[in-house]
């Protein structure tokens, strides 16, 4: 019985790690997108300021 409980805990931990990794990847992707958007926006604004 104890071995099955341990393996279940290990699988749960692995799932949590994978979930955390995918979340952080999503966050970093969002961050890069917002930076690109800001760069585009500043170009857009500069175009009108000139």
PDB file of N, CA and C in Angstrom:
ATOM      1  N   UNK A   1       0.825  -1.218   0.000  1.00  0.00           N
ATOM      2  CA  UNK A   1       0.000   0.000   0.000  1.00  0.00           C
ATOM      3  C   UNK A   1       0.859   1.268   0.000  1.00  0.00           C
ATOM      4  N   UNK A   2       1.920   1.269   0.807  1.00  0.00           N
ATOM      5  CA  UNK A   2       2.725   2.484   0.922  1.00  0.00           C
ATOM      6  C   UNK A   2       3.385   2.841  -0.415  1.00  0.00           C
ATOM      7  N   UNK A   3       3.791   1.834  -1.189  1.00  0.00           N
ATOM      8  CA  UNK A   3       4.456   2.125  -2.458  1.00  0.00           C
ATOM      9  C   UNK A   3       3.498   2.806  -3.431  1.00  0.00           C
ATOM     10  N   UNK A   4       2.238   2.373  -3.463  1.00  0.00           N
ATOM     11  CA  UNK A   4       1.293   3.019  -4.380  1.00  0.00           C
ATOM     12  C   UNK A   4       1.045   4.460  -3.957  1.00  0.00           C
ATOM     13  N   UNK A   5       0.940   4.709  -2.649  1.00  0.00           N
ATOM     14  CA  UNK A   5       0.732   6.081  -2.158  1.00  0.00           C
ATOM     15  C   UNK A   5       1.930   6.948  -2.542  1.00  0.00           C
ATOM     16  N   UNK A   6       3.139   6.408  -2.370  1.00  0.00           N
ATOM     17  CA  UNK A   6       4.339   7.163  -2.729  1.00  0.00           C
ATOM     18  C   UNK A   6       4.373   7.484  -4.219  1.00  0.00           C
ATOM     19  N   UNK A   7       4.062   6.498  -5.040  1.00  0.00           N
ATOM     20  CA  UNK A   7       4.087   6.730  -6.484  1.00  0.00           C
ATOM     21  C   UNK A   7       3.017   7.752  -6.879  1.00  0.00           C
ATOM     22  N   UNK A   8       1.871   7.697  -6.210  1.00  0.00           N
ATOM     23  CA  UNK A   8       0.819   8.689  -6.483  1.00  0.00           C
ATOM     24  C   UNK A   8       1.318  10.081  -6.133  1.00  0.00           C
ATOM     25  N   UNK A   9       1.993  10.213  -4.981  1.00  0.00           N
ATOM     26  CA  UNK A   9       2.543  11.503  -4.580  1.00  0.00           C
ATOM     27  C   UNK A   9       3.565  11.978  -5.598  1.00  0.00           C
ATOM     28  N   UNK A  10       4.390  11.055  -6.085  1.00  0.00           N
ATOM     29  CA  UNK A  10       5.415  11.427  -7.070  1.00  0.00           C
ATOM     30  C   UNK A  10       4.774  11.896  -8.373  1.00  0.00           C
ATOM     31  N   UNK A  11       3.742  11.191  -8.820  1.00  0.00           N
ATOM     32  CA  UNK A  11       3.079  11.617 -10.056  1.00  0.00           C
ATOM     33  C   UNK A  11       2.445  12.986  -9.861  1.00  0.00           C
ATOM     34  N   UNK A  12       1.824  13.203  -8.701  1.00  0.00           N
ATOM     35  CA  UNK A  12       1.209  14.498  -8.421  1.00  0.00           C
ATOM     36  C   UNK A  12       2.266  15.592  -8.460  1.00  0.00           C
ATOM     37  N   UNK A  13       3.423  15.322  -7.849  1.00  0.00           N
ATOM     38  CA  UNK A  13       4.512  16.305  -7.826  1.00  0.00           C
ATOM     39  C   UNK A  13       4.977  16.599  -9.246  1.00  0.00           C
ATOM     40  N   UNK A  14       5.110  15.551 -10.061  1.00  0.00           N
ATOM     41  CA  UNK A  14       5.533  15.740 -11.450  1.00  0.00           C
ATOM     42  C   UNK A  14       4.523  16.595 -12.207  1.00  0.00           C
ATOM     43  N   UNK A  15       3.242  16.319 -11.997  1.00  0.00           N
ATOM     44  CA  UNK A  15       2.192  17.096 -12.663  1.00  0.00           C
ATOM     45  C   UNK A  15       2.275  18.558 -12.229  1.00  0.00           C
ATOM     46  N   UNK A  16       2.479  18.785 -10.916  1.00  0.00           N
ATOM     47  CA  UNK A  16       2.598  20.157 -10.417  1.00  0.00           C
ATOM     48  C   UNK A  16       3.778  20.870 -11.055  1.00  0.00           C
ATOM     49  N   UNK A  17       4.897  20.171 -11.164  1.00  0.00           N
ATOM     50  CA  UNK A  17       6.093  20.767 -11.772  1.00  0.00           C
ATOM     51  C   UNK A  17       5.815  21.120 -13.230  1.00  0.00           C
ATOM     52  N   UNK A  18       5.203  20.205 -13.962  1.00  0.00           N
ATOM     53  CA  UNK A  18       4.892  20.469 -15.373  1.00  0.00           C
ATOM     54  C   UNK A  18       3.945  21.651 -15.500  1.00  0.00           C
ATOM     55  N   UNK A  19       2.949  21.718 -14.613  1.00  0.00           N
ATOM     56  CA  UNK A  19       1.989  22.823 -14.652  1.00  0.00           C
ATOM     57  C   UNK A  19       2.701  24.146 -14.390  1.00  0.00           C
ATOM     58  N   UNK A  20       3.580  24.146 -13.396  1.00  0.00           N
ATOM     59  CA  UNK A  20       4.330  25.365 -13.071  1.00  0.00           C
ATOM     60  C   UNK A  20       5.205  25.777 -14.248  1.00  0.00           C
ATOM     61  N   UNK A  21       5.840  24.806 -14.902  1.00  0.00           N
ATOM     62  CA  UNK A  21       6.701  25.117 -16.045  1.00  0.00           C
ATOM     63  C   UNK A  21       5.891  25.718 -17.183  1.00  0.00           C
ATOM     64  N   UNK A  22       4.733  25.145 -17.466  1.00  0.00           N
ATOM     65  CA  UNK A  22       3.920  25.662 -18.566  1.00  0.00           C
ATOM     66  C   UNK A  22       3.410  27.065 -18.231  1.00  0.00           C
ATOM     67  N   UNK A  23       3.057  27.304 -16.944  1.00  0.00           N
ATOM     68  CA  UNK A  23       2.602  28.635 -16.545  1.00  0.00           C
ATOM     69  C   UNK A  23       3.708  29.657 -16.707  1.00  0.00           C
ATOM     70  N   UNK A  24       4.925  29.315 -16.257  1.00  0.00           N
ATOM     71  CA  UNK A  24       6.032  30.268 -16.356  1.00  0.00           C
ATOM     72  C   UNK A  24       6.366  30.522 -17.823  1.00  0.00           C
ATOM     73  N   UNK A  25       6.266  29.477 -18.661  1.00  0.00           N
ATOM     74  CA  UNK A  25       6.528  29.657 -20.086  1.00  0.00           C
ATOM     75  C   UNK A  25       5.495  30.596 -20.681  1.00  0.00           C
ATOM     76  N   UNK A  26       4.238  30.420 -20.272  1.00  0.00           N
ATOM     77  CA  UNK A  26       3.164  31.279 -20.774  1.00  0.00           C
ATOM     78  C   UNK A  26       3.413  32.720 -20.337  1.00  0.00           C
ATOM     79  N   UNK A  27       3.825  32.897 -19.072  1.00  0.00           N
ATOM     80  CA  UNK A  27       4.088  34.241 -18.564  1.00  0.00           C
ATOM     81  C   UNK A  27       5.227  34.892 -19.321  1.00  0.00           C
ATOM     82  N   UNK A  28       6.309  34.152 -19.560  1.00  0.00           N
ATOM     83  CA  UNK A  28       7.443  34.735 -20.278  1.00  0.00           C
ATOM     84  C   UNK A  28       7.027  35.065 -21.711  1.00  0.00           C
ATOM     85  N   UNK A  29       6.182  34.240 -22.311  1.00  0.00           N
ATOM     86  CA  UNK A  29       5.684  34.524 -23.651  1.00  0.00           C
ATOM     87  C   UNK A  29       4.871  35.805 -23.665  1.00  0.00           C
ATOM     88  N   UNK A  30       3.989  35.961 -22.670  1.00  0.00           N
ATOM     89  CA  UNK A  30       3.202  37.182 -22.563  1.00  0.00           C
ATOM     90  C   UNK A  30       4.103  38.392 -22.383  1.00  0.00           C
ATOM     91  N   UNK A  31       5.150  38.228 -21.556  1.00  0.00           N
ATOM     92  CA  UNK A  31       6.046  39.347 -21.288  1.00  0.00           C
ATOM     93  C   UNK A  31       6.721  39.801 -22.579  1.00  0.00           C
ATOM     94  N   UNK A  32       7.206  38.839 -23.378  1.00  0.00           N
ATOM     95  CA  UNK A  32       7.892  39.210 -24.619  1.00  0.00           C
ATOM     96  C   UNK A  32       6.907  39.873 -25.574  1.00  0.00           C
ATOM     97  N   UNK A  33       5.660  39.405 -25.588  1.00  0.00           N
ATOM     98  CA  UNK A  33       4.650  40.005 -26.464  1.00  0.00           C
ATOM     99  C   UNK A  33       4.387  41.446 -26.054  1.00  0.00           C
ATOM    100  N   UNK A  34       4.264  41.703 -24.747  1.00  0.00           N
ATOM    101  CA  UNK A  34       3.986  43.067 -24.302  1.00  0.00           C
ATOM    102  C   UNK A  34       5.158  43.982 -24.631  1.00  0.00           C
ATOM    103  N   UNK A  35       6.377  43.473 -24.508  1.00  0.00           N
ATOM    104  CA  UNK A  35       7.552  44.282 -24.860  1.00  0.00           C
ATOM    105  C   UNK A  35       7.514  44.626 -26.344  1.00  0.00           C
ATOM    106  N   UNK A  36       7.181  43.644 -27.187  1.00  0.00           N
ATOM    107  CA  UNK A  36       7.081  43.908 -28.621  1.00  0.00           C
ATOM    108  C   UNK A  36       5.997  44.942 -28.891  1.00  0.00           C
ATOM    109  N   UNK A  37       4.853  44.803 -28.205  1.00  0.00           N
ATOM    110  CA  UNK A  37       3.759  45.756 -28.388  1.00  0.00           C
ATOM    111  C   UNK A  37       4.193  47.158 -28.011  1.00  0.00           C
ATOM    112  N   UNK A  38       4.931  47.274 -26.896  1.00  0.00           N
ATOM    113  CA  UNK A  38       5.405  48.591 -26.466  1.00  0.00           C
ATOM    114  C   UNK A  38       6.343  49.187 -27.504  1.00  0.00           C
ATOM    115  N   UNK A  39       7.228  48.363 -28.055  1.00  0.00           N
ATOM    116  CA  UNK A  39       8.159  48.853 -29.075  1.00  0.00           C
ATOM    117  C   UNK A  39       7.379  49.343 -30.295  1.00  0.00           C
ATOM    118  N   UNK A  40       6.394  48.578 -30.724  1.00  0.00           N
ATOM    119  CA  UNK A  40       5.583  48.969 -31.877  1.00  0.00           C
ATOM    120  C   UNK A  40       4.834  50.261 -31.576  1.00  0.00           C
ATOM    121  N   UNK A  41       4.295  50.371 -30.374  1.00  0.00           N
ATOM    122  CA  UNK A  41       3.521  51.544 -29.993  1.00  0.00           C
ATOM    123  C   UNK A  41       4.411  52.784 -29.987  1.00  0.00           C
ATOM    124  N   UNK A  42       5.632  52.636 -29.443  1.00  0.00           N
ATOM    125  CA  UNK A  42       6.525  53.796 -29.398  1.00  0.00           C
ATOM    126  C   UNK A  42       6.909  54.218 -30.816  1.00  0.00           C
ATOM    127  N   UNK A  43       7.103  53.260 -31.720  1.00  0.00           N
ATOM    128  CA  UNK A  43       7.378  53.588 -33.127  1.00  0.00           C
ATOM    129  C   UNK A  43       6.206  54.362 -33.712  1.00  0.00           C
ATOM    130  N   UNK A  44       5.002  53.873 -33.414  1.00  0.00           N
ATOM    131  CA  UNK A  44       3.774  54.481 -33.908  1.00  0.00           C
ATOM    132  C   UNK A  44       3.672  55.923 -33.416  1.00  0.00           C
ATOM    133  N   UNK A  45       3.922  56.122 -32.119  1.00  0.00           N
ATOM    134  CA  UNK A  45       3.844  57.461 -31.522  1.00  0.00           C
ATOM    135  C   UNK A  45       4.920  58.360 -32.124  1.00  0.00           C
ATOM    136  N   UNK A  46       6.140  57.843 -32.242  1.00  0.00           N
ATOM    137  CA  UNK A  46       7.227  58.642 -32.812  1.00  0.00           C
ATOM    138  C   UNK A  46       6.895  59.090 -34.230  1.00  0.00           C
ATOM    139  N   UNK A  47       6.237  58.228 -34.972  1.00  0.00           N
ATOM    140  CA  UNK A  47       5.867  58.550 -36.354  1.00  0.00           C
ATOM    141  C   UNK A  47       4.965  59.782 -36.374  1.00  0.00           C
ATOM    142  N   UNK A  48       4.036  59.872 -35.419  1.00  0.00           N
ATOM    143  CA  UNK A  48       3.114  61.003 -35.388  1.00  0.00           C
ATOM    144  C   UNK A  48       3.726  62.239 -34.755  1.00  0.00           C
ATOM    145  N   UNK A  49       4.675  62.047 -33.860  1.00  0.00           N
ATOM    146  CA  UNK A  49       5.289  63.196 -33.185  1.00  0.00           C
ATOM    147  C   UNK A  49       6.152  63.994 -34.163  1.00  0.00           C
ATOM    148  N   UNK A  50       6.794  63.307 -35.098  1.00  0.00           N
ATOM    149  CA  UNK A  50       7.722  63.987 -36.016  1.00  0.00           C
ATOM    150  C   UNK A  50       7.052  65.019 -36.902  1.00  0.00           C
TER     151      UNK A  50
END
